[in-house]
């Protein structure tokens, strides 16, 4: 969740990059509860790890591991994998 993004074009950009929710500055605390709950439920529904042979991708950390060694993937590299 990203808060404090004023321009709708910028909010659309962050949403396209994968943020679950992008809100403008001044959003009341009471307004954040439902989007935060929705995002938490979505995270629980998604598989965190993907495996292919010895490669393990951690979608939450946005990184990969081979035989216990972190790869330090660039976001574009992870997207390609």
N, C-alpha and C. Protein backbone atom coordinates (compact mmCIF):
# COMPACT_ATOMS: atom_id res chain seq x y z
N UNK A 1 0.85 -1.17 0.00
CA UNK A 1 0.00 0.00 0.00
C UNK A 1 0.90 1.23 0.00
N UNK A 2 0.60 2.15 -0.87
CA UNK A 2 1.36 3.39 -0.99
C UNK A 2 0.40 4.54 -0.74
N UNK A 3 0.80 5.44 0.15
CA UNK A 3 -0.06 6.57 0.53
C UNK A 3 0.67 7.88 0.27
N UNK A 4 -0.05 8.88 -0.17
CA UNK A 4 0.51 10.20 -0.37
C UNK A 4 0.84 10.52 -1.82
N UNK A 5 0.24 9.80 -2.75
CA UNK A 5 0.48 10.04 -4.18
C UNK A 5 -0.69 10.88 -4.70
N UNK A 6 -0.39 12.13 -5.03
CA UNK A 6 -1.45 13.08 -5.35
C UNK A 6 -2.05 12.93 -6.74
N UNK A 7 -1.23 12.73 -7.75
CA UNK A 7 -1.72 12.76 -9.12
C UNK A 7 -2.23 11.40 -9.55
N UNK A 8 -3.39 11.38 -10.20
CA UNK A 8 -4.00 10.12 -10.61
C UNK A 8 -3.11 9.37 -11.60
N UNK A 9 -2.39 10.09 -12.45
CA UNK A 9 -1.48 9.44 -13.39
C UNK A 9 -0.37 8.70 -12.64
N UNK A 10 0.14 9.31 -11.57
CA UNK A 10 1.17 8.66 -10.76
C UNK A 10 0.61 7.45 -10.02
N UNK A 11 -0.62 7.58 -9.52
CA UNK A 11 -1.25 6.43 -8.84
C UNK A 11 -1.41 5.27 -9.81
N UNK A 12 -1.84 5.57 -11.05
CA UNK A 12 -1.99 4.51 -12.05
C UNK A 12 -0.65 3.85 -12.35
N UNK A 13 0.41 4.65 -12.39
CA UNK A 13 1.76 4.11 -12.64
C UNK A 13 2.15 3.12 -11.55
N UNK A 14 1.96 3.50 -10.28
CA UNK A 14 2.33 2.62 -9.17
C UNK A 14 1.46 1.36 -9.14
N UNK A 15 0.20 1.51 -9.47
CA UNK A 15 -0.67 0.33 -9.54
C UNK A 15 -0.20 -0.62 -10.63
N UNK A 16 0.21 -0.07 -11.76
CA UNK A 16 0.72 -0.90 -12.86
C UNK A 16 2.00 -1.63 -12.47
N UNK A 17 2.77 -1.05 -11.56
CA UNK A 17 4.00 -1.69 -11.10
C UNK A 17 3.74 -2.78 -10.07
N UNK A 18 2.49 -2.89 -9.61
CA UNK A 18 2.16 -4.00 -8.73
C UNK A 18 1.74 -3.64 -7.32
N UNK A 19 1.70 -2.36 -7.00
CA UNK A 19 1.22 -2.00 -5.66
C UNK A 19 -0.26 -2.35 -5.57
N UNK A 20 -0.67 -2.90 -4.46
CA UNK A 20 -2.05 -3.32 -4.29
C UNK A 20 -3.02 -2.17 -4.14
N UNK A 21 -2.54 -1.06 -3.58
CA UNK A 21 -3.40 0.10 -3.36
C UNK A 21 -2.52 1.34 -3.33
N UNK A 22 -2.95 2.39 -3.99
CA UNK A 22 -2.23 3.67 -4.00
C UNK A 22 -3.25 4.76 -3.73
N UNK A 23 -3.02 5.52 -2.66
CA UNK A 23 -4.00 6.51 -2.21
C UNK A 23 -3.38 7.89 -2.12
N UNK A 24 -4.22 8.94 -2.26
CA UNK A 24 -3.70 10.30 -2.14
C UNK A 24 -3.42 10.68 -0.69
N UNK A 25 -2.64 11.75 -0.52
CA UNK A 25 -2.37 12.28 0.81
C UNK A 25 -3.69 12.76 1.42
N UNK A 26 -3.78 12.66 2.72
CA UNK A 26 -4.98 13.12 3.40
C UNK A 26 -6.05 12.06 3.52
N UNK A 27 -5.76 10.84 3.09
CA UNK A 27 -6.73 9.76 3.23
C UNK A 27 -6.90 9.47 4.72
N UNK A 28 -8.13 9.48 5.18
CA UNK A 28 -8.41 9.28 6.61
C UNK A 28 -8.03 7.86 7.04
N UNK A 29 -7.60 7.74 8.27
CA UNK A 29 -7.21 6.45 8.82
C UNK A 29 -8.34 5.43 8.72
N UNK A 30 -9.56 5.88 8.93
CA UNK A 30 -10.71 4.96 8.84
C UNK A 30 -10.87 4.41 7.43
N UNK A 31 -10.45 5.17 6.42
CA UNK A 31 -10.55 4.72 5.03
C UNK A 31 -9.50 3.68 4.68
N UNK A 32 -8.45 3.56 5.48
CA UNK A 32 -7.36 2.63 5.18
C UNK A 32 -7.64 1.21 5.63
N UNK A 33 -8.55 1.04 6.57
CA UNK A 33 -8.78 -0.28 7.15
C UNK A 33 -9.24 -1.31 6.13
N UNK A 34 -10.26 -1.00 5.34
CA UNK A 34 -10.76 -1.99 4.39
C UNK A 34 -9.77 -2.32 3.28
N UNK A 35 -9.10 -1.32 2.65
CA UNK A 35 -8.09 -1.69 1.66
C UNK A 35 -6.95 -2.52 2.25
N UNK A 36 -6.54 -2.20 3.48
CA UNK A 36 -5.47 -2.97 4.12
C UNK A 36 -5.91 -4.41 4.38
N UNK A 37 -7.14 -4.60 4.82
CA UNK A 37 -7.66 -5.96 5.03
C UNK A 37 -7.75 -6.72 3.71
N UNK A 38 -8.18 -6.04 2.66
CA UNK A 38 -8.28 -6.68 1.35
C UNK A 38 -6.90 -7.11 0.84
N UNK A 39 -5.91 -6.25 1.01
CA UNK A 39 -4.56 -6.60 0.58
C UNK A 39 -4.00 -7.77 1.39
N UNK A 40 -4.27 -7.78 2.69
CA UNK A 40 -3.80 -8.89 3.53
C UNK A 40 -4.43 -10.20 3.09
N UNK A 41 -5.70 -10.20 2.75
CA UNK A 41 -6.37 -11.40 2.27
C UNK A 41 -5.80 -11.85 0.93
N UNK A 42 -5.49 -10.90 0.06
CA UNK A 42 -4.91 -11.25 -1.24
C UNK A 42 -3.54 -11.90 -1.06
N UNK A 43 -2.73 -11.37 -0.13
CA UNK A 43 -1.41 -11.94 0.11
C UNK A 43 -1.50 -13.37 0.61
N UNK A 44 -2.49 -13.65 1.44
CA UNK A 44 -2.66 -15.01 1.94
C UNK A 44 -3.11 -15.96 0.85
N UNK A 45 -3.81 -15.45 -0.15
CA UNK A 45 -4.33 -16.29 -1.23
C UNK A 45 -3.27 -16.62 -2.27
N UNK A 46 -2.23 -15.78 -2.37
CA UNK A 46 -1.19 -15.99 -3.37
C UNK A 46 -0.10 -16.92 -2.85
N UNK A 47 0.41 -17.75 -3.74
CA UNK A 47 1.56 -18.58 -3.38
C UNK A 47 2.79 -17.69 -3.28
N UNK A 48 3.54 -17.84 -2.20
CA UNK A 48 4.72 -17.00 -2.01
C UNK A 48 5.91 -17.53 -2.81
N UNK A 49 6.05 -18.82 -2.90
CA UNK A 49 7.21 -19.41 -3.55
C UNK A 49 6.82 -20.14 -4.83
N UNK A 50 7.69 -20.06 -5.81
CA UNK A 50 7.56 -20.83 -7.05
C UNK A 50 8.85 -21.61 -7.22
N UNK A 51 8.74 -22.84 -7.66
CA UNK A 51 9.91 -23.70 -7.83
C UNK A 51 10.01 -24.19 -9.27
N UNK A 52 11.24 -24.25 -9.75
CA UNK A 52 11.53 -24.84 -11.05
C UNK A 52 12.93 -25.43 -10.96
N UNK A 53 13.00 -26.74 -10.86
CA UNK A 53 14.29 -27.39 -10.66
C UNK A 53 14.91 -26.92 -9.36
N UNK A 54 16.15 -26.46 -9.41
CA UNK A 54 16.82 -25.97 -8.20
C UNK A 54 16.54 -24.49 -7.93
N UNK A 55 15.85 -23.83 -8.84
CA UNK A 55 15.52 -22.42 -8.67
C UNK A 55 14.26 -22.27 -7.83
N UNK A 56 14.34 -21.42 -6.82
CA UNK A 56 13.18 -21.08 -6.00
C UNK A 56 12.99 -19.57 -6.05
N UNK A 57 11.82 -19.12 -6.46
CA UNK A 57 11.51 -17.70 -6.49
C UNK A 57 10.65 -17.35 -5.29
N UNK A 58 11.04 -16.31 -4.57
CA UNK A 58 10.26 -15.79 -3.46
C UNK A 58 9.56 -14.55 -3.96
N UNK A 59 8.26 -14.66 -4.22
CA UNK A 59 7.51 -13.57 -4.81
C UNK A 59 7.28 -12.41 -3.85
N UNK A 60 7.33 -12.68 -2.54
CA UNK A 60 7.17 -11.60 -1.57
C UNK A 60 8.45 -10.78 -1.47
N UNK A 61 9.59 -11.44 -1.37
CA UNK A 61 10.86 -10.73 -1.31
C UNK A 61 11.36 -10.29 -2.69
N UNK A 62 10.72 -10.82 -3.72
CA UNK A 62 11.09 -10.52 -5.11
C UNK A 62 12.55 -10.86 -5.38
N UNK A 63 12.90 -12.08 -5.02
CA UNK A 63 14.25 -12.56 -5.22
C UNK A 63 14.21 -14.06 -5.48
N UNK A 64 15.32 -14.60 -5.89
CA UNK A 64 15.41 -16.03 -6.17
C UNK A 64 16.55 -16.65 -5.39
N UNK A 65 16.50 -17.96 -5.27
CA UNK A 65 17.55 -18.71 -4.58
C UNK A 65 17.85 -19.97 -5.39
N UNK A 66 19.12 -20.32 -5.41
CA UNK A 66 19.54 -21.60 -5.96
C UNK A 66 20.42 -22.26 -4.91
N UNK A 67 19.99 -23.43 -4.46
CA UNK A 67 20.72 -24.20 -3.45
C UNK A 67 21.08 -23.35 -2.24
N UNK A 68 20.13 -22.54 -1.77
CA UNK A 68 20.31 -21.74 -0.56
C UNK A 68 21.05 -20.43 -0.74
N UNK A 69 21.45 -20.09 -1.95
CA UNK A 69 22.17 -18.84 -2.22
C UNK A 69 21.25 -17.84 -2.90
N UNK A 70 21.12 -16.65 -2.28
CA UNK A 70 20.29 -15.59 -2.86
C UNK A 70 20.91 -15.08 -4.15
N UNK A 71 20.05 -14.76 -5.11
CA UNK A 71 20.52 -14.31 -6.41
C UNK A 71 20.61 -12.78 -6.53
N UNK A 72 19.85 -12.05 -5.71
CA UNK A 72 19.85 -10.59 -5.81
C UNK A 72 19.32 -10.11 -7.15
N UNK A 73 18.15 -10.60 -7.52
CA UNK A 73 17.59 -10.31 -8.84
C UNK A 73 17.13 -8.87 -8.98
N UNK A 74 17.36 -8.30 -10.15
CA UNK A 74 16.79 -7.01 -10.53
C UNK A 74 15.30 -7.26 -10.81
N UNK A 75 14.41 -6.29 -10.54
CA UNK A 75 12.99 -6.51 -10.80
C UNK A 75 12.68 -7.01 -12.21
N UNK A 76 13.42 -6.52 -13.19
CA UNK A 76 13.19 -6.96 -14.57
C UNK A 76 13.58 -8.44 -14.73
N UNK A 77 14.66 -8.85 -14.08
CA UNK A 77 15.08 -10.25 -14.14
C UNK A 77 14.03 -11.15 -13.52
N UNK A 78 13.49 -10.74 -12.38
CA UNK A 78 12.45 -11.53 -11.73
C UNK A 78 11.23 -11.62 -12.65
N UNK A 79 10.86 -10.51 -13.27
CA UNK A 79 9.72 -10.51 -14.19
C UNK A 79 9.92 -11.47 -15.35
N UNK A 80 11.14 -11.54 -15.86
CA UNK A 80 11.41 -12.45 -16.96
C UNK A 80 11.32 -13.91 -16.53
N UNK A 81 11.78 -14.18 -15.31
CA UNK A 81 11.71 -15.55 -14.81
C UNK A 81 10.28 -15.96 -14.57
